[in-house]
Amino acid sequence: MADEKTQKQQLKLFSYWRSSCSWRVRIALNLKGLQCEYIPVNLVKGEQFKFTELNPMGYVPVLVDGDVVVSDSFAILMYLEEKYPEHPLLPSNLNKRAINYQAANIVSSSIQPLQNLAVLKYIEEKVSADEKHTWVTYHITKGFQALEKLLKDHAGRYATGDEVFLADLFLAPQIHGAINRFNIDMVQFPLLSRLNDAYVELPPFQDAMPEKQPDAPPSVVS
């Protein structure tokens, strides 16, 4: 137990309050009961490019566990799952596990990267500010349509049943961002809307919310 406690105290998370990728990891840490030192990285000020020795891509999140450094939220979650198996993020059923991977991948490769700060800034500079919203709406809508179809025969209270698993960690921040940052009309996505209502009731999800992070602006916290 002493060794496990020491390991948990070594955890450090480089995070940004509004980063959905960081948010996924924060939920996982909460679910697994893991304490960590929160190290804020201001993406708007470009602070992420000052620690490329930790992540050559210059992105958050980055997890430091003693001598181990892991970047990319998917890799971090898999690392946490293998090293700290309490409250598993993956179901034992192979089919359900595959659905979790698919749902997580839709968010992490087909939605989130296309709406991140760097991409939207590039579109604004190279095309127009108006095109940003059209771009984001198109890609979120396309991804959400796919998720509705993928999960319709597998969802229970949560994405793949009545227990929280990997897919939920990716869905919660993405749905929240779609609603609150990009004003996506969720009427066309009844399943995802229902899941979102379930997520906001869970303390591990609540505590990972952007406004509850130490680097959230006072105007957001209040």
C-alpha atoms as a PDB file:
ATOM      1  CA  MET A   1       0.000   0.000   0.000  1.00  0.00           C
ATOM      2  CA  ALA A   2       2.842   2.380   0.782  1.00  0.00           C
ATOM      3  CA  ASP A   3       4.362   1.905  -2.672  1.00  0.00           C
ATOM      4  CA  GLU A   4       0.995   2.496  -4.314  1.00  0.00           C
ATOM      5  CA  LYS A   5       0.475   5.661  -2.292  1.00  0.00           C
ATOM      6  CA  THR A   6       3.912   6.923  -3.268  1.00  0.00           C
ATOM      7  CA  GLN A   7       3.198   6.249  -6.927  1.00  0.00           C
ATOM      8  CA  LYS A   8      -0.069   8.129  -6.776  1.00  0.00           C
ATOM      9  CA  GLN A   9       1.614  11.135  -5.194  1.00  0.00           C
ATOM     10  CA  GLN A  10       4.075  11.256  -8.092  1.00  0.00           C
ATOM     11  CA  LEU A  11       1.356  11.897 -10.670  1.00  0.00           C
ATOM     12  CA  LYS A  12       1.457  15.285 -12.365  1.00  0.00           C
ATOM     13  CA  LEU A  13      -0.981  16.435 -15.015  1.00  0.00           C
ATOM     14  CA  PHE A  14      -0.147  19.245 -17.412  1.00  0.00           C
ATOM     15  CA  SER A  15      -3.603  20.497 -18.321  1.00  0.00           C
ATOM     16  CA  TYR A  16      -5.626  23.403 -19.665  1.00  0.00           C
ATOM     17  CA  TRP A  17      -8.976  24.104 -18.063  1.00  0.00           C
ATOM     18  CA  ARG A  18     -11.003  24.079 -21.305  1.00  0.00           C
ATOM     19  CA  SER A  19      -9.097  21.352 -23.150  1.00  0.00           C
ATOM     20  CA  SER A  20     -11.457  18.447 -23.799  1.00  0.00           C
ATOM     21  CA  CYS A  21      -8.452  16.129 -24.121  1.00  0.00           C
ATOM     22  CA  SER A  22      -7.275  17.109 -20.647  1.00  0.00           C
ATOM     23  CA  TRP A  23     -10.832  16.822 -19.386  1.00  0.00           C
ATOM     24  CA  ARG A  24     -10.992  13.139 -20.404  1.00  0.00           C
ATOM     25  CA  VAL A  25      -7.939  12.416 -18.301  1.00  0.00           C
ATOM     26  CA  ARG A  26      -9.262  14.376 -15.340  1.00  0.00           C
ATOM     27  CA  ILE A  27     -12.417  12.242 -15.362  1.00  0.00           C
ATOM     28  CA  ALA A  28     -10.337   9.056 -15.433  1.00  0.00           C
ATOM     29  CA  LEU A  29      -8.196  10.221 -12.517  1.00  0.00           C
ATOM     30  CA  ASN A  30     -11.344  11.002 -10.538  1.00  0.00           C
ATOM     31  CA  LEU A  31     -12.960   7.662 -11.334  1.00  0.00           C
ATOM     32  CA  LYS A  32      -9.838   5.784 -10.287  1.00  0.00           C
ATOM     33  CA  GLY A  33      -9.381   7.848  -7.142  1.00  0.00           C
ATOM     34  CA  LEU A  34      -5.924   9.028  -8.182  1.00  0.00           C
ATOM     35  CA  GLN A  35      -4.506  12.232  -6.770  1.00  0.00           C
ATOM     36  CA  CYS A  36      -2.288  14.372  -8.978  1.00  0.00           C
ATOM     37  CA  GLU A  37      -0.551  17.708  -9.055  1.00  0.00           C
ATOM     38  CA  TYR A  38      -2.363  19.948 -11.532  1.00  0.00           C
ATOM     39  CA  ILE A  39       0.033  22.022 -13.636  1.00  0.00           C
ATOM     40  CA  PRO A  40      -1.833  24.599 -15.742  1.00  0.00           C
ATOM     41  CA  VAL A  41      -0.721  25.283 -19.295  1.00  0.00           C
ATOM     42  CA  ASN A  42      -2.264  28.323 -20.994  1.00  0.00           C
ATOM     43  CA  LEU A  43      -2.936  27.336 -24.593  1.00  0.00           C
ATOM     44  CA  VAL A  44      -4.065  30.817 -25.554  1.00  0.00           C
ATOM     45  CA  LYS A  45      -0.654  32.196 -24.551  1.00  0.00           C
ATOM     46  CA  GLY A  46       1.163  29.350 -26.308  1.00  0.00           C
ATOM     47  CA  GLU A  47       2.692  27.940 -23.128  1.00  0.00           C
ATOM     48  CA  GLN A  48       2.313  24.393 -24.479  1.00  0.00           C
ATOM     49  CA  PHE A  49       5.183  25.007 -26.899  1.00  0.00           C
ATOM     50  CA  LYS A  50       7.577  25.636 -24.025  1.00  0.00           C
ATOM     51  CA  PHE A  51       7.596  22.040 -22.812  1.00  0.00           C
ATOM     52  CA  THR A  52       8.168  20.089 -26.014  1.00  0.00           C
ATOM     53  CA  GLU A  53      10.683  17.961 -24.122  1.00  0.00           C
ATOM     54  CA  LEU A  54       7.626  16.432 -22.448  1.00  0.00           C
ATOM     55  CA  ASN A  55       5.462  16.307 -25.574  1.00  0.00           C
ATOM     56  CA  PRO A  56       7.205  16.957 -28.904  1.00  0.00           C
ATOM     57  CA  MET A  57       3.857  17.922 -30.444  1.00  0.00           C
ATOM     58  CA  GLY A  58       3.398  20.709 -27.922  1.00  0.00           C
ATOM     59  CA  TYR A  59      -0.075  19.588 -26.851  1.00  0.00           C
ATOM     60  CA  VAL A  60      -1.820  18.947 -23.548  1.00  0.00           C
ATOM     61  CA  PRO A  61      -2.447  16.803 -21.642  1.00  0.00           C
ATOM     62  CA  VAL A  62       0.824  15.327 -20.453  1.00  0.00           C
ATOM     63  CA  LEU A  63       0.944  12.910 -17.527  1.00  0.00           C
ATOM     64  CA  VAL A  64       4.100  12.478 -15.483  1.00  0.00           C
ATOM     65  CA  ASP A  65       4.197   9.413 -13.252  1.00  0.00           C
ATOM     66  CA  GLY A  66       7.588   9.358 -11.572  1.00  0.00           C
ATOM     67  CA  ASP A  67      10.078   8.759 -14.377  1.00  0.00           C
ATOM     68  CA  VAL A  68       7.345   7.966 -16.914  1.00  0.00           C
ATOM     69  CA  VAL A  69       6.063  10.702 -19.231  1.00  0.00           C
ATOM     70  CA  VAL A  70       2.966  10.025 -21.326  1.00  0.00           C
ATOM     71  CA  SER A  71       1.381  12.478 -23.763  1.00  0.00           C
ATOM     72  CA  ASP A  72      -1.836  12.202 -25.794  1.00  0.00           C
ATOM     73  CA  SER A  73      -5.045  11.574 -23.890  1.00  0.00           C
ATOM     74  CA  PHE A  74      -5.731   8.159 -25.433  1.00  0.00           C
ATOM     75  CA  ALA A  75      -2.252   6.926 -24.500  1.00  0.00           C
ATOM     76  CA  ILE A  76      -2.587   8.386 -21.007  1.00  0.00           C
ATOM     77  CA  LEU A  77      -5.907   6.658 -20.442  1.00  0.00           C
ATOM     78  CA  MET A  78      -4.524   3.313 -21.574  1.00  0.00           C
ATOM     79  CA  TYR A  79      -1.504   3.787 -19.311  1.00  0.00           C
ATOM     80  CA  LEU A  80      -3.716   4.586 -16.332  1.00  0.00           C
ATOM     81  CA  GLU A  81      -5.931   1.611 -17.118  1.00  0.00           C
ATOM     82  CA  GLU A  82      -3.018  -0.811 -17.107  1.00  0.00           C
ATOM     83  CA  LYS A  83      -1.151   0.578 -14.117  1.00  0.00           C
ATOM     84  CA  TYR A  84      -4.138   1.513 -11.956  1.00  0.00           C
ATOM     85  CA  PRO A  85      -6.846  -1.065 -12.811  1.00  0.00           C
ATOM     86  CA  GLU A  86      -9.267  -0.075 -10.042  1.00  0.00           C
ATOM     87  CA  HIS A  87     -12.526   1.148 -11.577  1.00  0.00           C
ATOM     88  CA  PRO A  88     -11.797  -0.269 -15.051  1.00  0.00           C
ATOM     89  CA  LEU A  89     -12.327   1.999 -18.031  1.00  0.00           C
ATOM     90  CA  LEU A  90     -12.991  -0.945 -20.350  1.00  0.00           C
ATOM     91  CA  PRO A  91     -15.671  -3.640 -20.065  1.00  0.00           C
ATOM     92  CA  SER A  92     -14.704  -7.300 -19.970  1.00  0.00           C
ATOM     93  CA  ASN A  93     -17.055  -8.072 -22.861  1.00  0.00           C
ATOM     94  CA  LEU A  94     -15.007  -7.934 -26.067  1.00  0.00           C
ATOM     95  CA  ASN A  95     -17.835  -6.573 -28.220  1.00  0.00           C
ATOM     96  CA  LYS A  96     -18.588  -3.763 -25.779  1.00  0.00           C
ATOM     97  CA  ARG A  97     -14.892  -3.030 -25.528  1.00  0.00           C
ATOM     98  CA  ALA A  98     -14.717  -2.656 -29.302  1.00  0.00           C
ATOM     99  CA  ILE A  99     -17.675  -0.245 -29.261  1.00  0.00           C
ATOM    100  CA  ASN A 100     -15.892   1.836 -26.633  1.00  0.00           C
ATOM    101  CA  TYR A 101     -12.793   2.023 -28.798  1.00  0.00           C
ATOM    102  CA  GLN A 102     -14.852   3.022 -31.823  1.00  0.00           C
ATOM    103  CA  ALA A 103     -16.776   5.752 -30.010  1.00  0.00           C
ATOM    104  CA  ALA A 104     -13.604   7.141 -28.448  1.00  0.00           C
ATOM    105  CA  ASN A 105     -11.890   7.124 -31.817  1.00  0.00           C
ATOM    106  CA  ILE A 106     -14.718   8.999 -33.537  1.00  0.00           C
ATOM    107  CA  VAL A 107     -14.333  11.788 -30.995  1.00  0.00           C
ATOM    108  CA  SER A 108     -10.550  11.783 -30.821  1.00  0.00           C
ATOM    109  CA  SER A 109      -9.822  11.564 -34.549  1.00  0.00           C
ATOM    110  CA  SER A 110     -12.902  12.759 -36.447  1.00  0.00           C
ATOM    111  CA  ILE A 111     -14.308  15.549 -34.273  1.00  0.00           C
ATOM    112  CA  GLN A 112     -12.035  17.066 -31.627  1.00  0.00           C
ATOM    113  CA  PRO A 113      -8.875  17.664 -33.718  1.00  0.00           C
ATOM    114  CA  LEU A 114     -10.962  19.535 -36.298  1.00  0.00           C
ATOM    115  CA  GLN A 115     -12.253  22.034 -33.733  1.00  0.00           C
ATOM    116  CA  ASN A 116      -9.153  22.663 -31.657  1.00  0.00           C
ATOM    117  CA  LEU A 117      -7.679  26.113 -31.155  1.00  0.00           C
ATOM    118  CA  ALA A 118      -4.861  25.773 -33.692  1.00  0.00           C
ATOM    119  CA  VAL A 119      -7.143  24.580 -36.489  1.00  0.00           C
ATOM    120  CA  LEU A 120      -9.752  27.276 -35.922  1.00  0.00           C
ATOM    121  CA  LYS A 121      -7.079  29.956 -35.773  1.00  0.00           C
ATOM    122  CA  TYR A 122      -5.648  28.706 -39.061  1.00  0.00           C
ATOM    123  CA  ILE A 123      -9.075  28.770 -40.736  1.00  0.00           C
ATOM    124  CA  GLU A 124      -9.739  32.276 -39.465  1.00  0.00           C
ATOM    125  CA  GLU A 125      -6.396  33.535 -40.772  1.00  0.00           C
ATOM    126  CA  LYS A 126      -6.396  31.705 -44.107  1.00  0.00           C
ATOM    127  CA  VAL A 127     -10.115  31.756 -44.963  1.00  0.00           C
ATOM    128  CA  SER A 128     -12.414  33.832 -42.751  1.00  0.00           C
ATOM    129  CA  ALA A 129     -13.784  34.088 -39.252  1.00  0.00           C
ATOM    130  CA  ASP A 130     -17.263  33.209 -40.518  1.00  0.00           C
ATOM    131  CA  GLU A 131     -16.017  29.939 -41.986  1.00  0.00           C
ATOM    132  CA  LYS A 132     -14.934  28.706 -38.547  1.00  0.00           C
ATOM    133  CA  HIS A 133     -18.474  28.089 -37.345  1.00  0.00           C
ATOM    134  CA  THR A 134     -19.498  26.399 -40.589  1.00  0.00           C
ATOM    135  CA  TRP A 135     -16.460  24.128 -40.373  1.00  0.00           C
ATOM    136  CA  VAL A 136     -17.040  23.197 -36.726  1.00  0.00           C
ATOM    137  CA  THR A 137     -20.766  22.616 -37.167  1.00  0.00           C
ATOM    138  CA  TYR A 138     -20.205  20.328 -40.137  1.00  0.00           C
ATOM    139  CA  HIS A 139     -17.646  18.111 -38.431  1.00  0.00           C
ATOM    140  CA  ILE A 140     -19.420  17.896 -35.065  1.00  0.00           C
ATOM    141  CA  THR A 141     -22.716  17.089 -36.781  1.00  0.00           C
ATOM    142  CA  LYS A 142     -21.116  14.400 -38.936  1.00  0.00           C
ATOM    143  CA  GLY A 143     -19.432  12.832 -35.914  1.00  0.00           C
ATOM    144  CA  PHE A 144     -22.523  12.991 -33.725  1.00  0.00           C
ATOM    145  CA  GLN A 145     -24.626  11.364 -36.428  1.00  0.00           C
ATOM    146  CA  ALA A 146     -22.143   8.493 -36.528  1.00  0.00           C
ATOM    147  CA  LEU A 147     -22.151   8.179 -32.742  1.00  0.00           C
ATOM    148  CA  GLU A 148     -25.940   8.045 -32.599  1.00  0.00           C
ATOM    149  CA  LYS A 149     -25.918   5.136 -35.062  1.00  0.00           C
ATOM    150  CA  LEU A 150     -23.026   3.348 -33.378  1.00  0.00           C
ATOM    151  CA  LEU A 151     -24.447   3.489 -29.868  1.00  0.00           C
ATOM    152  CA  LYS A 152     -28.184   3.057 -30.477  1.00  0.00           C
ATOM    153  CA  ASP A 153     -28.121  -0.697 -29.846  1.00  0.00           C
ATOM    154  CA  HIS A 154     -25.552  -0.608 -27.046  1.00  0.00           C
ATOM    155  CA  ALA A 155     -26.411   2.343 -24.799  1.00  0.00           C
ATOM    156  CA  GLY A 156     -27.963   1.958 -21.383  1.00  0.00           C
ATOM    157  CA  ARG A 157     -27.769   4.685 -18.819  1.00  0.00           C
ATOM    158  CA  TYR A 158     -24.365   5.421 -20.324  1.00  0.00           C
ATOM    159  CA  ALA A 159     -22.798   4.917 -23.743  1.00  0.00           C
ATOM    160  CA  THR A 160     -22.346   1.147 -23.677  1.00  0.00           C
ATOM    161  CA  GLY A 161     -24.541   0.044 -20.793  1.00  0.00           C
ATOM    162  CA  ASP A 162     -25.217   0.980 -17.195  1.00  0.00           C
ATOM    163  CA  GLU A 163     -21.584   1.482 -16.200  1.00  0.00           C
ATOM    164  CA  VAL A 164     -19.222   4.297 -17.126  1.00  0.00           C
ATOM    165  CA  PHE A 165     -16.484   3.255 -19.525  1.00  0.00           C
ATOM    166  CA  LEU A 166     -13.963   4.743 -21.939  1.00  0.00           C
ATOM    167  CA  ALA A 167     -16.496   6.013 -24.472  1.00  0.00           C
ATOM    168  CA  ASP A 168     -18.179   8.134 -21.813  1.00  0.00           C
ATOM    169  CA  LEU A 169     -14.913   9.882 -20.971  1.00  0.00           C
ATOM    170  CA  PHE A 170     -14.617  11.033 -24.577  1.00  0.00           C
ATOM    171  CA  LEU A 171     -18.280  11.839 -25.072  1.00  0.00           C
ATOM    172  CA  ALA A 172     -18.901  14.007 -22.013  1.00  0.00           C
ATOM    173  CA  PRO A 173     -16.399  16.788 -22.830  1.00  0.00           C
ATOM    174  CA  GLN A 174     -17.233  16.674 -26.530  1.00  0.00           C
ATOM    175  CA  ILE A 175     -20.981  17.028 -26.012  1.00  0.00           C
ATOM    176  CA  HIS A 176     -20.471  19.772 -23.433  1.00  0.00           C
ATOM    177  CA  GLY A 177     -18.216  21.687 -25.814  1.00  0.00           C
ATOM    178  CA  ALA A 178     -20.620  21.268 -28.709  1.00  0.00           C
ATOM    179  CA  ILE A 179     -23.418  22.778 -26.643  1.00  0.00           C
ATOM    180  CA  ASN A 180     -21.594  25.482 -24.709  1.00  0.00           C
ATOM    181  CA  ARG A 181     -18.811  26.548 -27.071  1.00  0.00           C
ATOM    182  CA  PHE A 182     -20.297  25.964 -30.505  1.00  0.00           C
ATOM    183  CA  ASN A 183     -24.065  26.203 -29.920  1.00  0.00           C
ATOM    184  CA  ILE A 184     -24.855  22.924 -31.648  1.00  0.00           C
ATOM    185  CA  ASP A 185     -28.572  22.119 -31.743  1.00  0.00           C
ATOM    186  CA  MET A 186     -28.822  18.820 -29.863  1.00  0.00           C
ATOM    187  CA  VAL A 187     -32.477  18.155 -30.735  1.00  0.00           C
ATOM    188  CA  GLN A 188     -31.262  16.023 -33.631  1.00  0.00           C
ATOM    189  CA  PHE A 189     -29.156  13.914 -31.251  1.00  0.00           C
ATOM    190  CA  PRO A 190     -31.544  12.508 -28.609  1.00  0.00           C
ATOM    191  CA  LEU A 191     -29.254   9.692 -27.472  1.00  0.00           C
ATOM    192  CA  LEU A 192     -26.255  11.953 -26.928  1.00  0.00           C
ATOM    193  CA  SER A 193     -28.478  14.483 -25.175  1.00  0.00           C
ATOM    194  CA  ARG A 194     -29.710  11.814 -22.785  1.00  0.00           C
ATOM    195  CA  LEU A 195     -26.157  10.689 -22.072  1.00  0.00           C
ATOM    196  CA  ASN A 196     -25.142  14.268 -21.371  1.00  0.00           C
ATOM    197  CA  ASP A 197     -27.924  14.561 -18.789  1.00  0.00           C
ATOM    198  CA  ALA A 198     -26.579  11.439 -17.077  1.00  0.00           C
ATOM    199  CA  TYR A 199     -22.973  12.645 -17.064  1.00  0.00           C
ATOM    200  CA  VAL A 200     -23.694  15.927 -15.311  1.00  0.00           C
ATOM    201  CA  GLU A 201     -25.063  13.999 -12.324  1.00  0.00           C
ATOM    202  CA  LEU A 202     -21.822  12.088 -11.687  1.00  0.00           C
ATOM    203  CA  PRO A 203     -19.359  13.614  -9.157  1.00  0.00           C
ATOM    204  CA  PRO A 204     -16.208  12.389 -11.022  1.00  0.00           C
ATOM    205  CA  PHE A 205     -17.502  14.159 -14.116  1.00  0.00           C
ATOM    206  CA  GLN A 206     -18.643  17.232 -12.192  1.00  0.00           C
ATOM    207  CA  ASP A 207     -15.243  17.666 -10.516  1.00  0.00           C
ATOM    208  CA  ALA A 208     -13.501  17.478 -13.894  1.00  0.00           C
ATOM    209  CA  MET A 209     -15.583  20.311 -15.379  1.00  0.00           C
ATOM    210  CA  PRO A 210     -13.599  23.191 -16.871  1.00  0.00           C
ATOM    211  CA  GLU A 211     -14.923  25.815 -14.476  1.00  0.00           C
ATOM    212  CA  LYS A 212     -13.733  23.803 -11.482  1.00  0.00           C
ATOM    213  CA  GLN A 213     -10.095  23.776 -12.577  1.00  0.00           C
ATOM    214  CA  PRO A 214      -7.564  26.051 -10.852  1.00  0.00           C
ATOM    215  CA  ASP A 215      -6.660  27.831 -14.094  1.00  0.00           C
ATOM    216  CA  ALA A 216     -10.258  28.641 -15.083  1.00  0.00           C
ATOM    217  CA  PRO A 217     -10.803  32.408 -15.449  1.00  0.00           C
ATOM    218  CA  PRO A 218     -12.689  34.003 -12.524  1.00  0.00           C
ATOM    219  CA  SER A 219     -15.521  35.040 -14.849  1.00  0.00           C
ATOM    220  CA  VAL A 220     -16.122  31.377 -15.747  1.00  0.00           C
ATOM    221  CA  VAL A 221     -15.887  30.135 -12.158  1.00  0.00           C
ATOM    222  CA  SER A 222     -18.356  32.712 -10.920  1.00  0.00           C
END
